[in-house]
């Protein structure tokens, strides 16, 4: 099976990296706790968005392919269930 490409998430990941660096600077500069927490919350939401997009691609391409005849659908379902339980 060919794995789908997630390169379209690189720009989002770079933005998240910048947000994390911003949180680090805020802590070093002694910024107000609520401001730091707001930035952390925004970063977590951005990570969740990337996670959702990768999961959606996995479901649409990898899981869908497993139902089209290669007999691996039970394993793929188990894989997703384990992933979602984490």
C-alpha atoms as a PDB file:
ATOM      1  CA  UNK A   1       0.000   0.000   0.000  1.00  0.00           C
ATOM      2  CA  UNK A   2       1.261   3.465  -0.881  1.00  0.00           C
ATOM      3  CA  UNK A   3       0.992   5.895   2.022  1.00  0.00           C
ATOM      4  CA  UNK A   4      -0.783   9.205   1.386  1.00  0.00           C
ATOM      5  CA  UNK A   5       1.159  12.429   1.303  1.00  0.00           C
ATOM      6  CA  UNK A   6       0.696  14.880   4.174  1.00  0.00           C
ATOM      7  CA  UNK A   7       3.070  17.553   2.873  1.00  0.00           C
ATOM      8  CA  UNK A   8       0.192  20.024   2.788  1.00  0.00           C
ATOM      9  CA  UNK A   9       0.367  20.033   6.604  1.00  0.00           C
ATOM     10  CA  UNK A  10       3.968  21.299   6.668  1.00  0.00           C
ATOM     11  CA  UNK A  11       2.978  24.983   6.666  1.00  0.00           C
ATOM     12  CA  UNK A  12       0.610  24.385   9.583  1.00  0.00           C
ATOM     13  CA  UNK A  13       3.314  22.508  11.481  1.00  0.00           C
ATOM     14  CA  UNK A  14       5.765  25.364  10.910  1.00  0.00           C
ATOM     15  CA  UNK A  15       3.177  27.812  12.222  1.00  0.00           C
ATOM     16  CA  UNK A  16       2.697  25.587  15.293  1.00  0.00           C
ATOM     17  CA  UNK A  17       6.455  25.495  15.776  1.00  0.00           C
ATOM     18  CA  UNK A  18       6.424  29.300  15.771  1.00  0.00           C
ATOM     19  CA  UNK A  19       3.605  29.327  18.308  1.00  0.00           C
ATOM     20  CA  UNK A  20       5.586  27.045  20.624  1.00  0.00           C
ATOM     21  CA  UNK A  21       8.637  29.258  20.274  1.00  0.00           C
ATOM     22  CA  UNK A  22       6.372  32.203  21.103  1.00  0.00           C
ATOM     23  CA  UNK A  23       5.194  30.496  24.283  1.00  0.00           C
ATOM     24  CA  UNK A  24       8.821  29.898  25.230  1.00  0.00           C
ATOM     25  CA  UNK A  25       9.609  33.608  24.714  1.00  0.00           C
ATOM     26  CA  UNK A  26       6.548  34.624  26.704  1.00  0.00           C
ATOM     27  CA  UNK A  27       7.689  32.476  29.634  1.00  0.00           C
ATOM     28  CA  UNK A  28      11.246  33.810  29.408  1.00  0.00           C
ATOM     29  CA  UNK A  29       9.897  37.379  29.403  1.00  0.00           C
ATOM     30  CA  UNK A  30       7.618  36.734  32.371  1.00  0.00           C
ATOM     31  CA  UNK A  31       4.374  37.468  30.509  1.00  0.00           C
ATOM     32  CA  UNK A  32       0.995  37.254  32.203  1.00  0.00           C
ATOM     33  CA  UNK A  33      -0.143  33.669  32.923  1.00  0.00           C
ATOM     34  CA  UNK A  34      -3.473  34.013  31.107  1.00  0.00           C
ATOM     35  CA  UNK A  35      -1.734  35.299  27.985  1.00  0.00           C
ATOM     36  CA  UNK A  36       0.602  32.299  28.049  1.00  0.00           C
ATOM     37  CA  UNK A  37      -2.320  29.931  28.591  1.00  0.00           C
ATOM     38  CA  UNK A  38      -4.237  31.490  25.680  1.00  0.00           C
ATOM     39  CA  UNK A  39      -1.260  30.917  23.402  1.00  0.00           C
ATOM     40  CA  UNK A  40      -0.895  27.326  24.621  1.00  0.00           C
ATOM     41  CA  UNK A  41      -4.618  26.742  23.965  1.00  0.00           C
ATOM     42  CA  UNK A  42      -4.268  28.137  20.429  1.00  0.00           C
ATOM     43  CA  UNK A  43      -1.288  25.847  19.828  1.00  0.00           C
ATOM     44  CA  UNK A  44      -3.181  22.794  21.083  1.00  0.00           C
ATOM     45  CA  UNK A  45      -6.113  23.656  18.805  1.00  0.00           C
ATOM     46  CA  UNK A  46      -3.768  23.998  15.832  1.00  0.00           C
ATOM     47  CA  UNK A  47      -2.226  20.587  16.587  1.00  0.00           C
ATOM     48  CA  UNK A  48      -5.723  19.074  16.847  1.00  0.00           C
ATOM     49  CA  UNK A  49      -6.588  20.527  13.456  1.00  0.00           C
ATOM     50  CA  UNK A  50      -3.519  18.933  11.844  1.00  0.00           C
ATOM     51  CA  UNK A  51      -4.286  15.662  13.613  1.00  0.00           C
ATOM     52  CA  UNK A  52      -7.846  15.728  12.267  1.00  0.00           C
ATOM     53  CA  UNK A  53      -6.672  16.352   8.725  1.00  0.00           C
ATOM     54  CA  UNK A  54      -4.144  13.501   8.856  1.00  0.00           C
ATOM     55  CA  UNK A  55      -6.807  11.199  10.312  1.00  0.00           C
ATOM     56  CA  UNK A  56      -9.308  12.215   7.640  1.00  0.00           C
ATOM     57  CA  UNK A  57      -6.789  11.456   4.901  1.00  0.00           C
ATOM     58  CA  UNK A  58      -6.009   8.110   6.527  1.00  0.00           C
ATOM     59  CA  UNK A  59      -9.696   7.200   6.638  1.00  0.00           C
ATOM     60  CA  UNK A  60     -10.369   8.343   3.089  1.00  0.00           C
ATOM     61  CA  UNK A  61      -7.340   6.687   1.531  1.00  0.00           C
ATOM     62  CA  UNK A  62      -5.841   3.913   3.669  1.00  0.00           C
ATOM     63  CA  UNK A  63      -8.980   2.606   5.340  1.00  0.00           C
ATOM     64  CA  UNK A  64     -11.085   2.947   2.203  1.00  0.00           C
ATOM     65  CA  UNK A  65      -8.465   0.996   0.259  1.00  0.00           C
ATOM     66  CA  UNK A  66      -8.574  -1.829   2.817  1.00  0.00           C
ATOM     67  CA  UNK A  67     -12.285  -2.285   2.103  1.00  0.00           C
ATOM     68  CA  UNK A  68     -11.661  -2.545  -1.631  1.00  0.00           C
ATOM     69  CA  UNK A  69     -10.428  -6.095  -1.679  1.00  0.00           C
ATOM     70  CA  UNK A  70      -7.044  -6.504  -0.038  1.00  0.00           C
ATOM     71  CA  UNK A  71      -8.564  -8.271   3.013  1.00  0.00           C
ATOM     72  CA  UNK A  72      -6.914  -6.043   5.598  1.00  0.00           C
ATOM     73  CA  UNK A  73     -10.063  -4.221   6.760  1.00  0.00           C
ATOM     74  CA  UNK A  74     -10.299  -5.914  10.189  1.00  0.00           C
ATOM     75  CA  UNK A  75      -6.724  -4.959  11.005  1.00  0.00           C
ATOM     76  CA  UNK A  76      -7.313  -1.388   9.872  1.00  0.00           C
ATOM     77  CA  UNK A  77     -10.451  -1.105  12.008  1.00  0.00           C
ATOM     78  CA  UNK A  78      -8.541  -2.412  15.046  1.00  0.00           C
ATOM     79  CA  UNK A  79      -5.769   0.059  14.328  1.00  0.00           C
ATOM     80  CA  UNK A  80      -8.187   3.001  14.320  1.00  0.00           C
ATOM     81  CA  UNK A  81      -9.967   1.836  17.490  1.00  0.00           C
ATOM     82  CA  UNK A  82      -6.627   1.596  19.331  1.00  0.00           C
ATOM     83  CA  UNK A  83      -5.609   4.997  18.048  1.00  0.00           C
ATOM     84  CA  UNK A  84      -8.817   6.658  19.200  1.00  0.00           C
ATOM     85  CA  UNK A  85      -8.572   5.061  22.657  1.00  0.00           C
ATOM     86  CA  UNK A  86      -5.209   6.738  23.338  1.00  0.00           C
END
